[in-house]
């Protein structure tokens, strides 16, 4: 699989990474046996994925524990995230260190390859949090530090104290507006971009149609307060997105790839994007996702995709 360097000084990583959100049992539908989830992660690694992204809040830490089992005996890079209180350990200086130590313990590691702030906490000055994150690098507990779901203003406040190695934003064919300034700032600063949600939570796989319904335990039903529901799955938006996906199908067929592979390849062809995070508890799906890392999109392919997205 193709690789990119994470930011200005990070490691080379595969352009598709494994996202372990689902591994924590947080996503949707019934959870398969944990050994199958571990098997799916290992299938991704066998297919060329060189890194996995998890977080302390995924399954209350269970995701990190499963990742530890999956990566044991490998040189797979492990990225994880710290969340604000009450969901996570918290963003005060002492809490940052405690959160890191907790993740290291669950992951069975002496050092984290990348440690990220999961989302902003307006109750704590970001300078306090970021100084504590930099201290983890100085003390050898973390090799690189990054942020997720941060604005340009917050990125710049962090950058003034210590370089931001990575940004993790939501980004897909169906969630792309308003990112230009943010991505341009990352390129200028040498900050890598790890896109999450590149398949729009299944919408871009072509697996849904107008008859699709979601169970009550699935956040895509609209019953769990997830922000992405209103943009992607609310009745007024869902039908339009389905039409966009169908309009993309001829491009995928011409390329000889699946819709999911087209969506992932498009993300990693966008300026500034280092890699895309794609997770699944299915070994077959992760192999399909990993294969997207070798899909090349020519200028005319990108033009055809842009024409579809601009009509949406």
Protein backbone atom coordinates (compact mmCIF):
# COMPACT_ATOMS: atom_id res chain seq x y z
CA UNK A 1 0.00 0.00 0.00
CA UNK A 2 1.11 3.58 -0.62
CA UNK A 3 2.45 5.51 2.36
CA UNK A 4 2.70 9.17 3.34
CA UNK A 5 4.74 10.91 5.98
CA UNK A 6 2.63 12.10 8.91
CA UNK A 7 3.21 15.85 8.97
CA UNK A 8 6.63 17.41 8.68
CA UNK A 9 8.51 14.96 10.88
CA UNK A 10 6.31 11.98 11.65
CA UNK A 11 6.59 8.35 10.61
CA UNK A 12 5.62 7.00 7.21
CA UNK A 13 2.15 5.48 7.50
CA UNK A 14 -0.15 3.60 5.15
CA UNK A 15 -2.73 5.84 3.47
CA UNK A 16 -5.48 3.69 4.98
CA UNK A 17 -5.45 3.13 8.75
CA UNK A 18 -7.61 0.89 10.91
CA UNK A 19 -10.14 2.73 13.09
CA UNK A 20 -10.96 0.85 16.29
CA UNK A 21 -14.14 2.75 17.23
CA UNK A 22 -16.24 -0.26 16.28
CA UNK A 23 -13.84 -2.55 18.13
CA UNK A 24 -15.03 -0.93 21.34
CA UNK A 25 -18.61 -1.94 20.62
CA UNK A 26 -19.71 1.66 20.13
CA UNK A 27 -20.84 1.73 16.52
CA UNK A 28 -23.98 -0.10 15.49
CA UNK A 29 -25.70 -3.44 15.42
CA UNK A 30 -24.86 -6.57 17.39
CA UNK A 31 -21.25 -7.01 18.41
CA UNK A 32 -19.48 -10.04 16.98
CA UNK A 33 -17.31 -12.17 19.25
CA UNK A 34 -14.21 -10.25 20.24
CA UNK A 35 -11.91 -12.79 18.61
CA UNK A 36 -13.53 -11.91 15.26
CA UNK A 37 -12.86 -8.22 15.83
CA UNK A 38 -9.22 -8.99 16.65
CA UNK A 39 -9.10 -11.14 13.51
CA UNK A 40 -10.42 -8.23 11.44
CA UNK A 41 -7.66 -5.98 12.76
CA UNK A 42 -5.03 -8.56 11.92
CA UNK A 43 -6.52 -8.98 8.46
CA UNK A 44 -6.06 -5.23 7.96
CA UNK A 45 -2.43 -5.45 9.01
CA UNK A 46 -1.84 -8.40 6.67
CA UNK A 47 -3.34 -6.29 3.86
CA UNK A 48 -0.81 -3.50 4.36
CA UNK A 49 -2.34 -1.26 7.04
CA UNK A 50 0.51 -0.07 9.27
CA UNK A 51 -1.35 1.77 12.05
CA UNK A 52 -4.44 1.65 14.20
CA UNK A 53 -6.37 4.53 15.76
CA UNK A 54 -8.27 4.07 19.02
CA UNK A 55 -9.30 6.13 22.08
CA UNK A 56 -9.77 5.82 25.81
CA UNK A 57 -13.53 6.39 25.46
CA UNK A 58 -14.12 3.66 22.90
CA UNK A 59 -15.95 1.02 24.86
CA UNK A 60 -14.71 2.50 28.11
CA UNK A 61 -11.16 1.43 27.28
CA UNK A 62 -12.08 -1.98 25.86
CA UNK A 63 -11.07 -0.92 22.36
CA UNK A 64 -7.54 -0.20 23.56
CA UNK A 65 -7.38 -3.62 25.22
CA UNK A 66 -8.46 -5.37 22.02
CA UNK A 67 -5.95 -3.34 20.02
CA UNK A 68 -3.26 -4.52 22.43
CA UNK A 69 -4.13 -8.13 21.61
CA UNK A 70 -4.27 -7.49 17.88
CA UNK A 71 -0.91 -5.71 17.61
CA UNK A 72 1.02 -8.00 19.97
CA UNK A 73 4.21 -9.19 18.31
CA UNK A 74 3.92 -6.72 15.41
CA UNK A 75 5.46 -3.34 14.56
CA UNK A 76 2.04 -1.75 13.93
CA UNK A 77 1.91 1.88 15.08
CA UNK A 78 -0.69 2.69 17.73
CA UNK A 79 -2.48 6.05 17.89
CA UNK A 80 -4.93 6.82 20.69
CA UNK A 81 -6.84 9.79 22.10
CA UNK A 82 -7.56 11.56 25.39
CA UNK A 83 -11.05 12.96 26.02
CA UNK A 84 -12.34 15.74 28.31
CA UNK A 85 -14.28 15.00 31.47
CA UNK A 86 -16.73 13.46 32.14
CA UNK A 87 -16.40 11.12 29.17
CA UNK A 88 -12.63 10.79 29.50
CA UNK A 89 -9.74 11.41 31.87
CA UNK A 90 -9.85 15.19 31.47
CA UNK A 91 -7.68 17.99 30.08
CA UNK A 92 -6.08 19.44 33.22
CA UNK A 93 -2.31 18.93 33.30
CA UNK A 94 -2.36 16.13 35.86
CA UNK A 95 -5.27 14.46 34.10
CA UNK A 96 -3.39 14.44 30.79
CA UNK A 97 -0.57 12.42 32.32
CA UNK A 98 -2.97 10.07 34.11
CA UNK A 99 -4.93 9.53 30.91
CA UNK A 100 -1.77 8.72 29.00
CA UNK A 101 -0.63 6.28 31.65
CA UNK A 102 -4.03 4.59 31.58
CA UNK A 103 -3.89 4.16 27.81
CA UNK A 104 -0.33 2.84 27.99
CA UNK A 105 -1.45 0.28 30.56
CA UNK A 106 -4.45 -0.90 28.54
CA UNK A 107 -2.40 -1.02 25.35
CA UNK A 108 0.48 -2.82 27.03
CA UNK A 109 3.02 -0.37 25.66
CA UNK A 110 5.88 1.74 27.00
CA UNK A 111 5.34 4.55 24.49
CA UNK A 112 2.50 5.77 22.26
CA UNK A 113 3.28 6.52 18.62
CA UNK A 114 0.68 9.33 18.54
CA UNK A 115 -1.41 10.77 21.38
CA UNK A 116 -4.30 13.07 20.44
CA UNK A 117 -6.84 15.35 22.11
CA UNK A 118 -10.18 13.85 21.10
CA UNK A 119 -12.29 17.03 21.01
CA UNK A 120 -11.98 20.55 22.50
CA UNK A 121 -12.81 21.36 26.10
CA UNK A 122 -13.71 25.06 26.47
CA UNK A 123 -13.58 24.75 30.27
CA UNK A 124 -9.81 24.24 30.30
CA UNK A 125 -7.33 26.61 28.60
CA UNK A 126 -5.93 24.70 25.66
CA UNK A 127 -2.49 26.05 26.55
CA UNK A 128 -2.51 24.13 29.85
CA UNK A 129 -3.53 20.93 28.09
CA UNK A 130 -1.06 21.29 25.23
CA UNK A 131 1.87 22.04 27.53
CA UNK A 132 1.06 18.82 29.38
CA UNK A 133 0.92 16.94 26.07
CA UNK A 134 4.33 18.35 25.11
CA UNK A 135 5.65 17.18 28.46
CA UNK A 136 4.68 13.61 27.56
CA UNK A 137 6.90 13.86 24.50
CA UNK A 138 9.76 15.31 26.54
CA UNK A 139 9.45 12.45 29.03
CA UNK A 140 9.46 9.78 26.33
CA UNK A 141 5.92 8.50 26.90
CA UNK A 142 4.69 9.72 23.51
CA UNK A 143 6.46 10.12 20.16
CA UNK A 144 4.04 12.61 18.59
CA UNK A 145 1.00 14.63 19.65
CA UNK A 146 -2.06 15.75 17.76
CA UNK A 147 -5.63 16.98 18.01
CA UNK A 148 -9.03 16.00 16.70
CA UNK A 149 -12.06 18.15 15.85
CA UNK A 150 -10.08 21.38 16.46
CA UNK A 151 -10.59 24.74 14.75
CA UNK A 152 -7.94 26.89 13.07
CA UNK A 153 -7.92 29.18 16.12
CA UNK A 154 -7.24 26.30 18.53
CA UNK A 155 -4.59 24.84 16.22
CA UNK A 156 -2.74 28.14 16.18
CA UNK A 157 -2.88 28.46 19.96
CA UNK A 158 -1.33 25.00 20.27
CA UNK A 159 1.24 25.63 17.55
CA UNK A 160 2.51 28.65 19.44
CA UNK A 161 3.58 26.35 22.27
CA UNK A 162 4.68 23.18 20.49
CA UNK A 163 4.22 21.82 16.97
CA UNK A 164 0.93 20.02 16.27
CA UNK A 165 1.94 16.79 14.55
CA UNK A 166 -1.54 15.81 13.37
CA UNK A 167 -5.16 16.84 13.03
CA UNK A 168 -8.00 14.32 12.91
CA UNK A 169 -11.11 15.88 11.31
CA UNK A 170 -14.27 14.29 9.95
CA UNK A 171 -13.99 14.32 6.16
CA UNK A 172 -15.70 12.47 3.32
CA UNK A 173 -17.40 13.06 0.00
CA UNK A 174 -20.54 13.89 1.99
CA UNK A 175 -18.82 15.98 4.68
CA UNK A 176 -16.31 18.30 3.04
CA UNK A 177 -17.55 21.89 3.24
CA UNK A 178 -15.82 24.45 5.44
CA UNK A 179 -12.54 22.55 5.62
CA UNK A 180 -10.46 24.58 3.15
CA UNK A 181 -8.99 27.06 5.66
CA UNK A 182 -8.37 24.33 8.21
CA UNK A 183 -6.55 22.07 5.77
CA UNK A 184 -4.56 24.94 4.29
CA UNK A 185 -3.39 25.85 7.78
CA UNK A 186 -2.26 22.27 8.37
CA UNK A 187 -0.32 22.19 5.10
CA UNK A 188 1.36 25.48 5.93
CA UNK A 189 2.33 24.31 9.42
CA UNK A 190 3.41 20.80 8.43
CA UNK A 191 0.57 19.13 10.33
CA UNK A 192 -0.58 15.76 9.04
CA UNK A 193 -4.30 15.15 8.46
CA UNK A 194 -5.95 11.85 9.40
CA UNK A 195 -9.51 11.87 8.06
CA UNK A 196 -12.16 10.01 10.04
CA UNK A 197 -15.62 9.06 8.78
CA UNK A 198 -14.39 8.73 5.14
CA UNK A 199 -17.22 6.33 4.29
CA UNK A 200 -19.88 8.55 5.89
CA UNK A 201 -20.72 5.77 8.35
CA UNK A 202 -21.66 3.33 5.63
CA UNK A 203 -23.52 5.69 3.29
CA UNK A 204 -20.71 5.70 0.73
CA UNK A 205 -20.52 1.91 0.55
CA UNK A 206 -23.73 1.70 -1.50
CA UNK A 207 -25.23 -0.70 1.02
CA UNK A 208 -28.31 1.43 1.75
CA UNK A 209 -31.43 2.36 -0.21
CA UNK A 210 -34.70 4.16 0.51
CA UNK A 211 -36.11 1.10 2.27
CA UNK A 212 -33.22 0.94 4.77
CA UNK A 213 -34.15 1.32 8.42
CA UNK A 214 -31.88 1.35 11.45
CA UNK A 215 -32.54 -0.39 14.75
CA UNK A 216 -33.05 1.60 17.94
CA UNK A 217 -29.57 0.66 19.21
CA UNK A 218 -27.99 2.14 16.05
CA UNK A 219 -27.18 5.88 16.31
CA UNK A 220 -28.10 6.24 12.63
CA UNK A 221 -31.72 5.83 13.73
CA UNK A 222 -31.52 9.33 15.18
CA UNK A 223 -32.22 8.17 18.75
CA UNK A 224 -28.80 8.73 20.32
CA UNK A 225 -28.06 12.42 19.78
CA UNK A 226 -25.10 11.94 17.43
CA UNK A 227 -24.40 15.15 15.52
CA UNK A 228 -23.68 13.32 12.27
CA UNK A 229 -27.28 12.08 12.14
CA UNK A 230 -28.74 15.45 11.15
CA UNK A 231 -26.25 15.93 8.33
CA UNK A 232 -26.26 12.42 6.91
CA UNK A 233 -29.22 10.30 8.00
CA UNK A 234 -32.12 12.64 8.78
CA UNK A 235 -34.97 11.89 6.34
CA UNK A 236 -34.54 15.15 4.46
CA UNK A 237 -30.84 14.46 3.81
CA UNK A 238 -30.68 10.68 3.53
CA UNK A 239 -32.53 10.46 0.22
CA UNK A 240 -30.33 13.10 -1.41
CA UNK A 241 -27.18 11.34 -0.27
CA UNK A 242 -28.44 8.05 -1.70
CA UNK A 243 -28.88 9.78 -5.07
CA UNK A 244 -25.30 11.09 -4.88
CA UNK A 245 -23.98 7.62 -4.14
CA UNK A 246 -25.85 6.17 -7.10
CA UNK A 247 -24.42 8.90 -9.35
CA UNK A 248 -20.94 7.86 -8.25
CA UNK A 249 -21.52 4.21 -9.12
CA UNK A 250 -20.62 4.55 -12.83
CA UNK A 251 -17.26 6.08 -11.88
CA UNK A 252 -16.52 3.17 -9.55
CA UNK A 253 -17.58 0.63 -12.19
CA UNK A 254 -15.37 2.25 -14.82
CA UNK A 255 -12.43 2.06 -12.40
CA UNK A 256 -13.21 -1.53 -11.47
CA UNK A 257 -13.48 -0.70 -7.77
CA UNK A 258 -16.23 -0.73 -5.17
CA UNK A 259 -17.99 2.42 -4.07
CA UNK A 260 -16.24 2.18 -0.71
CA UNK A 261 -12.85 1.96 -2.40
CA UNK A 262 -13.68 4.95 -4.59
CA UNK A 263 -14.71 7.00 -1.55
CA UNK A 264 -11.54 6.13 0.37
CA UNK A 265 -9.28 6.73 -2.63
CA UNK A 266 -10.91 10.13 -3.20
CA UNK A 267 -10.20 11.18 0.39
CA UNK A 268 -6.51 10.29 0.24
CA UNK A 269 -6.18 12.09 -3.11
CA UNK A 270 -7.26 15.41 -1.56
CA UNK A 271 -4.52 18.00 -0.95
CA UNK A 272 -3.11 17.86 2.55
CA UNK A 273 -4.65 14.54 3.52
CA UNK A 274 -2.11 12.10 4.92
CA UNK A 275 -4.39 9.10 5.40
CA UNK A 276 -7.95 7.95 6.01
CA UNK A 277 -9.24 6.00 9.00
CA UNK A 278 -11.56 3.11 8.11
CA UNK A 279 -12.71 0.51 10.61
CA UNK A 280 -14.82 -2.61 10.45
CA UNK A 281 -15.35 -5.75 12.48
CA UNK A 282 -15.42 -7.76 9.24
CA UNK A 283 -12.18 -9.17 7.84
CA UNK A 284 -13.62 -9.03 4.31
CA UNK A 285 -14.50 -5.35 4.67
CA UNK A 286 -11.11 -4.36 6.03
CA UNK A 287 -9.38 -6.11 3.13
CA UNK A 288 -11.62 -4.17 0.74
CA UNK A 289 -10.80 -0.93 2.55
CA UNK A 290 -7.07 -1.63 2.52
CA UNK A 291 -7.12 -2.27 -1.23
CA UNK A 292 -8.33 1.32 -1.70
CA UNK A 293 -4.85 2.41 -0.71
CA UNK A 294 -3.56 1.28 -4.10
CA UNK A 295 -6.32 2.88 -6.20
CA UNK A 296 -5.03 5.69 -8.39
CA UNK A 297 -7.46 8.39 -9.47
CA UNK A 298 -6.50 10.26 -12.62
CA UNK A 299 -7.39 13.93 -13.09
CA UNK A 300 -10.40 13.01 -15.23
CA UNK A 301 -11.64 10.63 -12.49
CA UNK A 302 -11.41 13.42 -9.94
CA UNK A 303 -13.20 15.78 -12.33
CA UNK A 304 -16.03 13.28 -12.80
CA UNK A 305 -16.38 12.85 -9.04
CA UNK A 306 -16.33 16.62 -8.51
CA UNK A 307 -19.13 17.02 -11.06
CA UNK A 308 -21.31 14.59 -9.08
CA UNK A 309 -20.52 16.15 -5.71
CA UNK A 310 -21.07 19.70 -6.96
CA UNK A 311 -24.57 18.76 -8.11
CA UNK A 312 -25.47 17.36 -4.68
